[in-house]
Amino acid sequence: MPVRRVITALTARLGKPAVPNHNGRLASRISGSGQCRSLSNINVKDKLSARYLFREAAIIDGKDFPSTTHFQVFDPATQAQIGVCPDLNARQVDEAIAAAHAAFQSFRRTTPFERAKLLREWRDLVMESQEDLATMITLENGKPIAEAKGEVAYAASFMDWFAGEAPRAYGDVIPTSVAGNRAITIKQPVGVCGIITPWNFPAAMITRKVAAAIAAGCTVVIKPDAETPYTAIALAKLAKIAGVPDGVVNVVTTKSFLKEVGEKLCTDERIKKVSFTGSTNVGKLLMAQSSSTVKKLSFELGGNAPFIVFPDVPVTEAVTAAVTSKFRGAGQTCVCANRIFVHESIYDEFCELLAEKVGGFKIGNGLEDGVNQGPLIHDRAVDKVEGHVQDAVKHGGKVLVGGKRATDIGKHFYYPTVIRDAKPRIRIMQEETFGPVAAVFKFASEAEVVALANVVDVGLASYVMTNDINRAFRVAEQLEFGMVGVNTGIVSDCATPFGGVKFSGFGREGSKYGIEEYLNVKAITFGGVGAPY
């Protein structure tokens, strides 16, 4: 059924007229249903053009799914409550799995071109809602509004990309060793997928997985982080408006993920794949739980990215790239530079320029104009950052800027920090800080810095700044990381494979490889075709 007919039917069934025009063609398509009573201290709806996007309910089989038990969601910048969400248990999640399983029986038979059309329609609606979605991201996550808008665009790019990949899930014709036999391969959707996403990219981490799943013909049960559920719910509502059939995209919300719901997603036989982005420790637990049902898995786990600066690159360019990598999202990204290695010949200049740049940051509420550093997500994050800084100072580190809590701004704020001269044995060398702390280390030789970069047990992203093309290839090939950025602080792109090695996980998202994670390869051999000519 065409999308406009779907929305007309939904509107008629709900007995609600189209909402007055507020952002172009999206306005005429809005459908809704009852919500749980809002208990929020911040009236989120008053901040949105499309008020229906803010839902305090899970989404199961295309419908709002309230609950008698809830958890609260808070703005990390102000600690004000922005709403409540259903705290679902395993029995209720079973309903979502059942809906996804039932929907898969028909959705798997849709053509790749039909699925591509749905993804493009969904993408258009997301971009039309960019301002609203960005506002919700900033309220939930704390990142500055400009970054939040960028995340929405990045999220939409995966819908575009996988709309193109859907019709290109090609098989092969294989020459056989038996005369008269002919063999081909085809690719088929794996089935229902459990999608578990983190709080730091509440939109992009969902679409990078779900767009690939839909392109392949799979259905999904999404478990967003309890810190940031509303963006996931809004994306699911937009998917319904785009014409994605009920049951294909389900969102289950819960505060006590690992105790009950996580185990349900990993052990239920109807779920054939789990895709998880989060910490290495949780990944290990989910992997163990999934072993009983031998699921297909793809895990993007923790990182500890090295950022290596050689002396043949202009220092100003290196500093700009380092700032872009390190301080995006207040340093709360899995691919941000965590250990900055600078050649001894330019070390002093680099540290001075980096401190000057970081000292000019505006820290505050992400909804305020000009803010480029928001809060950390919660108390534990601030405590960890403070502990890393204190440990670095204890081992000889000199704080050039920052180095303390920004309590004058708010409870979850920490001043962006630059530290020099710390010894390699500090915690930052071995642990991912996940905060706005740039620790700068000195090195003398290429061999030394490659060894320092590779000493960690994780291997997600890494960065190399050099204008020597031979060195760029040589070092990139030696780094034990799934991604290497050369002369750039950004490695994420819908067209390139995202993923790590070692304890950073396995599998790839985005790119032509991303859809393969949601497909099974089937070999079909035909006998008795006849002898060759």
Protein backbone atom coordinates (compact mmCIF):
# COMPACT_ATOMS: atom_id res chain seq x y z
CA MET A 1 0.00 0.00 0.00
CA PRO A 2 1.42 3.46 -0.91
CA VAL A 3 2.60 5.50 2.05
CA ARG A 4 -0.04 8.21 1.71
CA ARG A 5 -2.80 5.60 1.70
CA VAL A 6 -1.26 4.00 4.79
CA ILE A 7 -1.31 7.31 6.67
CA THR A 8 -4.80 8.14 5.49
CA ALA A 9 -5.98 4.76 6.76
CA LEU A 10 -4.20 5.21 10.07
CA THR A 11 -5.67 8.68 10.53
CA ALA A 12 -9.15 7.43 9.75
CA ARG A 13 -8.82 4.48 12.14
CA LEU A 14 -7.59 6.72 14.95
CA GLY A 15 -10.25 9.30 14.29
CA LYS A 16 -7.70 12.12 14.22
CA PRO A 17 -7.40 14.78 11.54
CA ALA A 18 -4.08 15.66 10.00
CA VAL A 19 -1.98 17.93 12.18
CA PRO A 20 -1.67 21.52 10.96
CA ASN A 21 1.31 22.07 8.72
CA HIS A 22 4.49 22.58 10.73
CA ASN A 23 7.26 21.17 8.58
CA GLY A 24 6.24 20.47 5.04
CA ARG A 25 4.91 17.16 3.75
CA LEU A 26 5.43 15.37 7.07
CA ALA A 27 2.54 17.25 8.66
CA SER A 28 -0.12 15.58 6.54
CA ARG A 29 1.07 12.09 7.53
CA ILE A 30 1.10 12.21 11.31
CA SER A 31 -0.66 9.40 13.11
CA GLY A 32 -0.79 8.84 16.85
CA SER A 33 -2.32 6.99 19.73
CA GLY A 34 -2.68 7.42 23.46
CA GLN A 35 0.37 8.00 25.63
CA CYS A 36 1.27 7.45 29.23
CA ARG A 37 0.72 10.46 31.45
CA SER A 38 3.79 12.71 31.39
CA LEU A 39 5.56 13.22 34.69
CA SER A 40 8.32 15.38 33.22
CA ASN A 41 9.71 18.54 34.74
CA ILE A 42 10.75 19.70 31.27
CA ASN A 43 7.84 20.00 28.86
CA VAL A 44 9.56 18.42 25.89
CA LYS A 45 6.57 18.76 23.59
CA ASP A 46 6.68 22.53 23.88
CA LYS A 47 10.18 22.40 22.41
CA LEU A 48 9.13 20.38 19.36
CA SER A 49 7.35 21.27 16.15
CA ALA A 50 5.99 17.73 15.82
CA ARG A 51 4.77 17.15 19.38
CA TYR A 52 3.74 13.56 18.61
CA LEU A 53 7.40 12.52 18.29
CA PHE A 54 7.83 12.55 22.07
CA ARG A 55 6.32 9.29 23.33
CA GLU A 56 6.53 7.84 26.82
CA ALA A 57 5.79 4.33 25.62
CA ALA A 58 7.60 1.40 24.07
CA ILE A 59 6.69 0.48 20.49
CA ILE A 60 5.50 -3.08 19.88
CA ASP A 61 3.82 -4.22 16.66
CA GLY A 62 3.48 -0.61 15.51
CA LYS A 63 1.58 0.51 18.61
CA ASP A 64 2.40 2.45 21.74
CA PHE A 65 2.97 -0.04 24.55
CA PRO A 66 2.51 1.55 27.98
CA SER A 67 3.34 -0.20 31.22
CA THR A 68 2.47 -0.01 34.89
CA THR A 69 6.15 0.22 35.84
CA HIS A 70 8.40 3.04 34.64
CA PHE A 71 11.84 4.53 34.95
CA GLN A 72 12.72 8.20 34.85
CA VAL A 73 14.83 9.91 32.18
CA PHE A 74 16.82 13.02 33.04
CA ASP A 75 18.53 15.85 31.19
CA PRO A 76 22.25 15.46 32.02
CA ALA A 77 22.79 19.21 31.77
CA THR A 78 20.19 20.24 34.34
CA GLN A 79 19.23 16.95 36.04
CA ALA A 80 15.61 17.87 35.39
CA GLN A 81 13.31 14.99 34.59
CA ILE A 82 12.30 14.99 30.94
CA GLY A 83 9.93 12.04 31.12
CA VAL A 84 9.31 8.43 32.06
CA CYS A 85 9.49 5.22 30.02
CA PRO A 86 8.06 1.74 30.49
CA ASP A 87 10.39 -0.54 32.41
CA LEU A 88 9.56 -3.73 30.54
CA ASN A 89 10.23 -7.22 31.78
CA ALA A 90 11.11 -10.38 29.85
CA ARG A 91 7.44 -11.36 29.44
CA GLN A 92 6.64 -8.04 27.80
CA VAL A 93 9.73 -8.23 25.61
CA ASP A 94 8.47 -11.64 24.52
CA GLU A 95 5.50 -9.82 22.96
CA ALA A 96 7.89 -7.69 20.91
CA ILE A 97 9.82 -10.74 19.76
CA ALA A 98 6.55 -12.46 18.82
CA ALA A 99 5.48 -9.40 16.81
CA ALA A 100 8.84 -9.25 15.01
CA HIS A 101 8.73 -12.99 14.33
CA ALA A 102 5.22 -12.79 12.88
CA ALA A 103 6.10 -9.75 10.75
CA PHE A 104 9.21 -11.49 9.40
CA GLN A 105 7.13 -14.20 7.73
CA SER A 106 5.78 -11.67 5.23
CA PHE A 107 8.49 -9.00 5.30
CA ARG A 108 11.13 -11.49 4.20
CA ARG A 109 9.18 -11.90 0.94
CA THR A 110 9.18 -8.22 0.03
CA THR A 111 11.44 -7.29 -2.85
CA PRO A 112 14.69 -5.40 -2.27
CA PHE A 113 13.24 -2.53 -4.27
CA GLU A 114 10.23 -2.29 -1.97
CA ARG A 115 12.51 -2.22 1.05
CA ALA A 116 14.73 0.40 -0.58
CA LYS A 117 11.68 2.60 -1.14
CA LEU A 118 10.69 2.28 2.52
CA LEU A 119 14.19 3.24 3.65
CA ARG A 120 14.26 6.33 1.42
CA GLU A 121 10.83 7.38 2.67
CA TRP A 122 12.01 6.92 6.26
CA ARG A 123 15.16 8.90 5.50
CA ASP A 124 13.15 11.83 4.12
CA LEU A 125 10.95 11.95 7.21
CA VAL A 126 13.96 11.85 9.51
CA MET A 127 15.59 14.78 7.73
CA GLU A 128 12.32 16.74 7.79
CA SER A 129 12.30 16.14 11.55
CA GLN A 130 15.98 17.01 11.98
CA GLU A 131 15.40 19.94 14.31
CA ASP A 132 13.03 18.02 16.57
CA LEU A 133 15.16 14.90 16.70
CA ALA A 134 18.25 16.99 17.45
CA THR A 135 16.43 18.71 20.31
CA MET A 136 15.46 15.35 21.78
CA ILE A 137 19.04 14.06 21.44
CA THR A 138 20.42 17.12 23.23
CA LEU A 139 17.88 16.81 26.04
CA GLU A 140 18.61 13.10 26.54
CA ASN A 141 22.32 13.01 25.77
CA GLY A 142 23.57 16.54 26.44
CA LYS A 143 25.58 17.02 23.25
CA PRO A 144 25.49 20.51 21.71
CA ILE A 145 22.59 21.06 19.35
CA ALA A 146 24.87 21.51 16.32
CA GLU A 147 26.41 18.09 16.99
CA ALA A 148 22.95 16.62 17.48
CA LYS A 149 21.83 17.93 14.08
CA GLY A 150 24.95 16.42 12.58
CA GLU A 151 24.10 13.10 14.17
CA VAL A 152 20.62 13.14 12.67
CA ALA A 153 22.09 13.73 9.20
CA TYR A 154 24.62 10.96 9.82
CA ALA A 155 21.82 8.64 10.94
CA ALA A 156 19.81 9.41 7.81
CA SER A 157 22.82 8.69 5.60
CA PHE A 158 22.64 4.99 6.56
CA MET A 159 19.06 4.80 5.32
CA ASP A 160 20.20 6.27 2.02
CA TRP A 161 23.18 3.95 1.81
CA PHE A 162 21.36 0.72 2.59
CA ALA A 163 18.48 1.66 0.30
CA GLY A 164 21.13 1.42 -2.41
CA GLU A 165 22.58 -1.80 -1.04
CA ALA A 166 19.25 -3.66 -0.76
CA PRO A 167 19.03 -4.57 -4.47
CA ARG A 168 22.73 -5.43 -4.57
CA ALA A 169 22.81 -8.41 -2.22
CA TYR A 170 24.10 -10.51 -5.08
CA GLY A 171 24.78 -14.24 -5.12
CA ASP A 172 27.21 -16.15 -7.34
CA VAL A 173 27.33 -18.81 -10.02
CA ILE A 174 30.03 -21.31 -9.01
CA PRO A 175 31.86 -23.75 -11.31
CA THR A 176 31.68 -27.22 -9.75
CA SER A 177 34.07 -30.17 -9.70
CA VAL A 178 31.33 -32.60 -10.78
CA ALA A 179 30.45 -32.72 -14.46
CA GLY A 180 26.78 -32.02 -15.00
CA ASN A 181 26.32 -30.15 -11.71
CA ARG A 182 25.57 -26.45 -11.50
CA ALA A 183 25.84 -24.41 -8.29
CA ILE A 184 24.63 -20.99 -7.26
CA THR A 185 24.45 -19.03 -4.04
CA ILE A 186 21.65 -16.78 -2.87
CA LYS A 187 21.47 -14.50 0.18
CA GLN A 188 18.52 -14.54 2.53
CA PRO A 189 17.64 -12.52 5.65
CA VAL A 190 18.76 -14.10 8.93
CA GLY A 191 15.45 -13.38 10.66
CA VAL A 192 14.53 -11.43 13.78
CA CYS A 193 17.43 -9.33 15.08
CA GLY A 194 18.05 -8.00 18.58
CA ILE A 195 19.50 -4.49 18.33
CA ILE A 196 21.16 -3.13 21.48
CA THR A 197 22.40 0.45 21.28
CA PRO A 198 24.27 2.91 23.55
CA TRP A 199 23.43 6.39 24.75
CA ASN A 200 26.21 8.36 23.05
CA PHE A 201 24.70 8.22 19.53
CA PRO A 202 21.02 7.49 20.20
CA ALA A 203 20.00 7.97 16.55
CA ALA A 204 22.98 6.92 14.45
CA MET A 205 23.71 3.68 16.30
CA ILE A 206 20.14 2.59 15.62
CA THR A 207 19.96 3.45 11.94
CA ARG A 208 23.40 2.02 11.18
CA LYS A 209 22.07 -1.35 12.34
CA VAL A 210 18.37 -1.18 11.55
CA ALA A 211 18.70 0.23 8.03
CA ALA A 212 20.97 -2.68 7.14
CA ALA A 213 18.55 -5.15 8.73
CA ILE A 214 15.56 -3.75 6.84
CA ALA A 215 17.52 -3.69 3.57
CA ALA A 216 18.24 -7.39 4.07
CA GLY A 217 14.59 -8.20 4.86
CA CYS A 218 14.96 -8.70 8.62
CA THR A 219 12.75 -7.47 11.45
CA VAL A 220 14.13 -5.98 14.66
CA VAL A 221 13.62 -5.59 18.39
CA ILE A 222 15.56 -2.51 19.51
CA LYS A 223 16.71 -2.07 23.11
CA PRO A 224 17.98 1.54 23.42
CA ASP A 225 19.98 2.66 26.43
CA ALA A 226 17.84 3.74 29.37
CA GLU A 227 19.55 7.15 29.36
CA THR A 228 18.29 7.93 25.83
CA PRO A 229 15.09 6.06 24.91
CA TYR A 230 13.06 8.84 23.31
CA THR A 231 15.10 9.21 20.12
CA ALA A 232 14.69 5.50 19.41
CA ILE A 233 10.95 5.71 19.99
CA ALA A 234 10.67 8.73 17.68
CA LEU A 235 12.59 6.92 14.94
CA ALA A 236 10.20 3.97 15.22
CA LYS A 237 7.20 6.29 14.90
CA LEU A 238 8.71 7.83 11.77
CA ALA A 239 9.33 4.34 10.36
CA LYS A 240 5.63 3.56 10.77
CA ILE A 241 4.68 6.81 9.04
CA ALA A 242 7.06 5.92 6.22
CA GLY A 243 5.08 2.73 5.65
CA VAL A 244 7.30 0.19 7.37
CA PRO A 245 4.87 -2.63 8.31
CA ASP A 246 3.85 -3.13 11.92
CA GLY A 247 6.12 -5.51 13.77
CA VAL A 248 9.17 -4.82 11.63
CA VAL A 249 10.58 -2.15 13.98
CA ASN A 250 9.89 -2.66 17.69
CA VAL A 251 11.39 -0.67 20.60
CA VAL A 252 11.54 -2.12 24.09
CA THR A 253 12.61 0.10 26.96
CA THR A 254 13.99 -1.04 30.28
CA LYS A 255 16.23 0.15 33.08
CA SER A 256 17.36 -3.29 34.24
CA PHE A 257 18.73 -4.53 30.94
CA LEU A 258 21.26 -7.17 31.96
CA LYS A 259 19.18 -8.77 34.71
CA GLU A 260 16.35 -9.97 32.50
CA VAL A 261 15.79 -8.34 29.12
CA GLY A 262 19.33 -8.76 27.80
CA GLU A 263 19.26 -12.44 28.60
CA LYS A 264 15.89 -12.76 26.89
CA LEU A 265 17.19 -11.21 23.67
CA CYS A 266 20.25 -13.46 23.72
CA THR A 267 18.58 -16.76 24.59
CA ASP A 268 15.28 -16.62 22.69
CA GLU A 269 15.51 -18.98 19.71
CA ARG A 270 13.30 -16.75 17.54
CA ILE A 271 16.02 -14.10 17.54
CA LYS A 272 18.65 -15.18 15.04
CA LYS A 273 21.12 -12.33 15.43
CA VAL A 274 22.20 -9.83 18.06
CA SER A 275 24.01 -6.60 17.19
CA PHE A 276 25.46 -4.75 20.17
CA THR A 277 27.38 -1.51 20.63
CA GLY A 278 28.74 -0.94 24.11
CA SER A 279 31.44 -1.92 26.56
CA THR A 280 33.72 -4.93 26.18
CA ASN A 281 32.63 -6.36 29.53
CA VAL A 282 28.95 -6.33 28.61
CA GLY A 283 29.81 -7.72 25.17
CA LYS A 284 31.50 -10.71 26.77
CA LEU A 285 28.42 -11.37 28.88
CA LEU A 286 26.05 -11.12 25.90
CA MET A 287 28.30 -13.38 23.86
CA ALA A 288 28.21 -16.02 26.59
CA GLN A 289 24.40 -15.75 26.88
CA SER A 290 24.00 -16.07 23.09
CA SER A 291 26.02 -19.28 22.93
CA SER A 292 23.07 -21.43 23.99
CA THR A 293 21.20 -20.51 20.80
CA VAL A 294 24.25 -20.15 18.51
CA LYS A 295 23.21 -16.74 17.22
CA LYS A 296 24.92 -14.67 14.59
CA LEU A 297 26.61 -11.77 16.40
CA SER A 298 28.23 -8.46 15.58
CA PHE A 299 29.76 -6.49 18.43
CA GLU A 300 31.26 -3.00 18.42
CA LEU A 301 32.91 -2.74 21.81
CA GLY A 302 35.30 -0.46 23.67
CA GLY A 303 38.22 1.44 22.18
CA ASN A 304 41.34 3.32 23.21
CA ALA A 305 42.32 5.22 20.10
CA PRO A 306 45.90 6.38 19.53
CA PHE A 307 46.42 9.67 17.69
CA ILE A 308 49.96 9.79 16.28
CA VAL A 309 51.52 13.04 15.06
CA PHE A 310 54.74 12.88 13.02
CA PRO A 311 56.92 15.97 12.53
CA ASP A 312 56.34 16.32 8.77
CA VAL A 313 52.76 17.55 9.20
CA PRO A 314 51.94 21.20 10.06
CA VAL A 315 51.27 21.43 13.80
CA THR A 316 48.16 23.59 13.32
CA GLU A 317 46.60 20.92 11.09
CA ALA A 318 47.44 18.21 13.61
CA VAL A 319 45.90 20.18 16.48
CA THR A 320 42.71 20.84 14.51
CA ALA A 321 42.32 17.15 13.69
CA ALA A 322 43.08 16.15 17.29
CA VAL A 323 40.44 18.53 18.66
CA THR A 324 37.87 17.23 16.19
CA SER A 325 38.58 13.64 17.17
CA LYS A 326 39.03 14.07 20.92
CA PHE A 327 36.34 16.50 22.00
CA ARG A 328 33.33 15.57 19.86
CA GLY A 329 30.52 14.65 22.23
CA ALA A 330 32.68 15.84 25.15
CA GLY A 331 35.01 12.93 24.43
CA GLN A 332 32.20 10.40 24.84
CA THR A 333 32.69 8.52 21.59
CA CYS A 334 34.21 5.09 21.10
CA VAL A 335 36.45 6.36 18.29
CA CYS A 336 37.71 9.56 19.91
CA ALA A 337 41.45 10.00 20.40
CA ASN A 338 42.31 8.75 23.88
CA ARG A 339 46.12 8.70 23.73
CA ILE A 340 47.82 11.47 21.74
CA PHE A 341 51.41 10.70 20.73
CA VAL A 342 53.45 13.62 19.37
CA HIS A 343 57.02 13.50 18.05
CA GLU A 344 59.49 15.08 20.46
CA SER A 345 60.61 17.70 17.90
CA ILE A 346 57.16 19.35 17.82
CA TYR A 347 55.84 18.24 21.21
CA ASP A 348 56.06 21.60 23.02
CA GLU A 349 54.48 23.54 20.16
CA PHE A 350 51.68 21.01 19.81
CA CYS A 351 50.86 21.05 23.54
CA GLU A 352 50.82 24.84 23.62
CA LEU A 353 48.50 25.16 20.61
CA LEU A 354 46.21 22.39 21.82
CA ALA A 355 45.83 24.01 25.24
CA GLU A 356 45.11 27.36 23.61
CA LYS A 357 42.42 25.86 21.40
CA VAL A 358 40.78 23.87 24.21
CA GLY A 359 40.91 26.84 26.55
CA GLY A 360 38.62 28.69 24.14
CA PHE A 361 35.81 26.16 24.30
CA LYS A 362 32.39 27.25 25.52
CA ILE A 363 31.01 24.73 27.98
CA GLY A 364 27.36 24.62 28.98
CA ASN A 365 23.86 23.41 28.16
CA GLY A 366 23.83 22.05 24.61
CA LEU A 367 20.67 24.00 23.77
CA GLU A 368 22.44 27.32 24.35
CA ASP A 369 23.98 29.25 21.45
CA GLY A 370 27.68 28.80 20.90
CA VAL A 371 28.17 25.90 23.31
CA ASN A 372 30.56 23.29 21.92
CA GLN A 373 31.08 21.20 25.07
CA GLY A 374 28.11 19.76 26.89
CA PRO A 375 27.80 17.67 30.05
CA LEU A 376 28.90 14.13 30.69
CA ILE A 377 26.09 11.62 30.76
CA HIS A 378 25.97 10.85 34.51
CA ASP A 379 27.81 10.89 37.86
CA ARG A 380 29.86 7.78 37.11
CA ALA A 381 31.24 9.37 33.96
CA VAL A 382 32.39 12.47 35.84
CA ASP A 383 33.96 10.34 38.57
CA LYS A 384 35.92 8.33 36.00
CA VAL A 385 37.22 11.45 34.25
CA GLU A 386 38.28 12.96 37.57
CA GLY A 387 40.02 9.74 38.54
CA HIS A 388 41.96 9.61 35.27
CA VAL A 389 43.13 13.20 35.65
CA GLN A 390 44.21 12.67 39.26
CA ASP A 391 46.09 9.52 38.29
CA ALA A 392 47.89 11.34 35.45
CA VAL A 393 48.95 14.17 37.78
CA LYS A 394 50.13 11.63 40.35
CA HIS A 395 52.44 10.17 37.69
CA GLY A 396 54.03 13.43 36.60
CA GLY A 397 51.36 14.86 34.34
CA LYS A 398 51.05 18.63 34.05
CA VAL A 399 47.57 20.08 33.54
CA LEU A 400 47.76 22.85 30.93
CA VAL A 401 44.05 23.69 30.92
CA GLY A 402 40.99 22.35 32.73
CA GLY A 403 41.62 19.51 35.13
CA LYS A 404 38.63 19.99 37.40
CA ARG A 405 34.87 19.65 37.68
CA ALA A 406 32.84 22.54 36.31
CA THR A 407 30.52 22.64 39.31
CA ASP A 408 29.77 26.30 38.63
CA ILE A 409 27.98 25.15 35.47
CA GLY A 410 26.41 21.92 36.64
CA LYS A 411 26.87 18.60 38.40
CA HIS A 412 27.77 16.63 35.27
CA PHE A 413 30.21 19.08 33.72
CA TYR A 414 33.98 18.73 33.59
CA TYR A 415 36.26 21.35 32.08
CA PRO A 416 37.93 20.20 28.84
CA THR A 417 41.44 19.20 29.86
CA VAL A 418 44.91 18.95 28.31
CA ILE A 419 47.66 17.06 30.15
CA ARG A 420 51.31 16.79 29.11
CA ASP A 421 54.36 14.91 30.39
CA ALA A 422 52.46 12.05 32.02
CA LYS A 423 54.17 8.68 32.08
CA PRO A 424 52.95 5.83 29.84
CA ARG A 425 51.91 3.77 32.87
CA ILE A 426 48.95 6.04 33.70
CA ARG A 427 45.40 4.68 33.55
CA ILE A 428 44.58 6.65 30.40
CA MET A 429 47.12 4.54 28.52
CA GLN A 430 45.19 1.36 29.37
CA GLU A 431 41.60 2.55 29.91
CA GLU A 432 39.20 4.45 27.68
CA THR A 433 38.45 7.74 29.46
CA PHE A 434 35.21 8.56 27.64
CA GLY A 435 35.49 12.18 28.61
CA PRO A 436 37.05 15.54 27.64
CA VAL A 437 40.66 14.74 28.61
CA ALA A 438 43.52 14.94 26.10
CA ALA A 439 46.66 13.29 27.42
CA VAL A 440 49.68 14.05 25.22
CA PHE A 441 52.69 11.71 25.21
CA LYS A 442 56.11 12.23 23.62
CA PHE A 443 57.80 9.75 21.28
CA ALA A 444 61.12 9.61 19.45
CA SER A 445 60.80 6.98 16.72
CA GLU A 446 58.24 5.32 14.49
CA ALA A 447 58.92 1.88 15.96
CA GLU A 448 58.47 3.21 19.49
CA VAL A 449 55.12 4.86 18.83
CA VAL A 450 53.68 1.90 16.93
CA ALA A 451 54.55 -0.32 19.90
CA LEU A 452 52.94 2.14 22.33
CA ALA A 453 49.82 2.38 20.17
CA ASN A 454 49.42 -1.40 19.95
CA VAL A 455 50.05 -2.20 23.63
CA VAL A 456 46.33 -2.12 24.51
CA ASP A 457 44.01 -5.13 24.22
CA VAL A 458 41.39 -3.24 22.17
CA GLY A 459 41.58 -2.13 18.56
CA LEU A 460 38.77 0.04 17.23
CA ALA A 461 39.96 3.36 15.75
CA SER A 462 43.40 4.93 15.31
CA TYR A 463 44.78 8.07 13.70
CA VAL A 464 48.03 9.00 11.94
CA MET A 465 49.10 12.51 10.97
CA THR A 466 51.88 12.50 8.36
CA ASN A 467 52.57 13.83 4.86
CA ASP A 468 54.98 10.99 4.09
CA ILE A 469 52.91 8.60 1.97
CA ASN A 470 55.26 5.67 2.57
CA ARG A 471 55.08 6.18 6.33
CA ALA A 472 51.30 6.55 6.17
CA PHE A 473 50.90 3.14 4.53
CA ARG A 474 53.57 1.52 6.65
CA VAL A 475 52.18 2.69 9.99
CA ALA A 476 48.54 2.13 9.01
CA GLU A 477 49.31 -1.47 8.13
CA GLN A 478 51.15 -2.05 11.42
CA LEU A 479 48.46 -0.56 13.68
CA GLU A 480 46.29 -3.29 15.24
CA PHE A 481 43.01 -1.45 14.81
CA GLY A 482 39.97 -1.98 12.62
CA MET A 483 40.01 1.62 11.36
CA VAL A 484 42.82 4.06 10.63
CA GLY A 485 42.32 7.73 9.83
CA VAL A 486 45.23 9.35 8.00
CA ASN A 487 45.39 13.15 8.25
CA THR A 488 41.83 13.34 9.58
CA GLY A 489 40.13 13.21 12.95
CA ILE A 490 36.96 11.61 11.57
CA VAL A 491 36.75 8.00 10.36
CA SER A 492 32.96 7.50 10.41
CA ASP A 493 31.14 7.43 7.09
CA CYS A 494 28.16 5.41 5.86
CA ALA A 495 30.27 4.18 2.91
CA THR A 496 33.19 2.80 4.96
CA PRO A 497 33.19 -0.27 7.21
CA PHE A 498 32.98 0.48 10.92
CA GLY A 499 34.30 -2.05 13.43
CA GLY A 500 37.27 -3.26 15.41
CA VAL A 501 39.61 -6.13 16.21
CA LYS A 502 40.90 -7.72 19.41
CA PHE A 503 38.65 -6.89 22.38
CA SER A 504 36.88 -4.20 20.34
CA GLY A 505 34.68 -6.85 18.80
CA PHE A 506 33.93 -8.26 15.38
CA GLY A 507 31.66 -7.64 12.42
CA ARG A 508 31.32 -4.48 10.37
CA GLU A 509 28.61 -1.82 10.10
CA GLY A 510 27.98 0.57 7.25
CA SER A 511 29.56 0.14 3.80
CA LYS A 512 28.94 -2.75 1.44
CA TYR A 513 29.92 -5.12 4.23
CA GLY A 514 27.23 -3.96 6.65
CA ILE A 515 24.29 -5.70 4.98
CA GLU A 516 26.20 -9.01 4.98
CA GLU A 517 25.85 -9.13 8.77
CA TYR A 518 22.08 -9.61 8.30
CA LEU A 519 22.18 -12.18 5.49
CA ASN A 520 22.74 -15.91 5.31
CA VAL A 521 24.44 -17.40 2.27
CA LYS A 522 22.63 -20.43 0.85
CA ALA A 523 24.27 -22.77 -1.67
CA ILE A 524 21.99 -24.49 -4.20
CA THR A 525 23.42 -27.31 -6.32
CA PHE A 526 21.60 -28.64 -9.38
CA GLY A 527 22.47 -32.14 -10.47
CA GLY A 528 21.85 -33.88 -13.79
CA VAL A 529 22.13 -30.73 -15.87
CA GLY A 530 24.20 -32.67 -18.39
CA ALA A 531 27.76 -33.22 -19.49
CA PRO A 532 29.73 -30.25 -20.76
CA TYR A 533 29.82 -29.63 -24.50
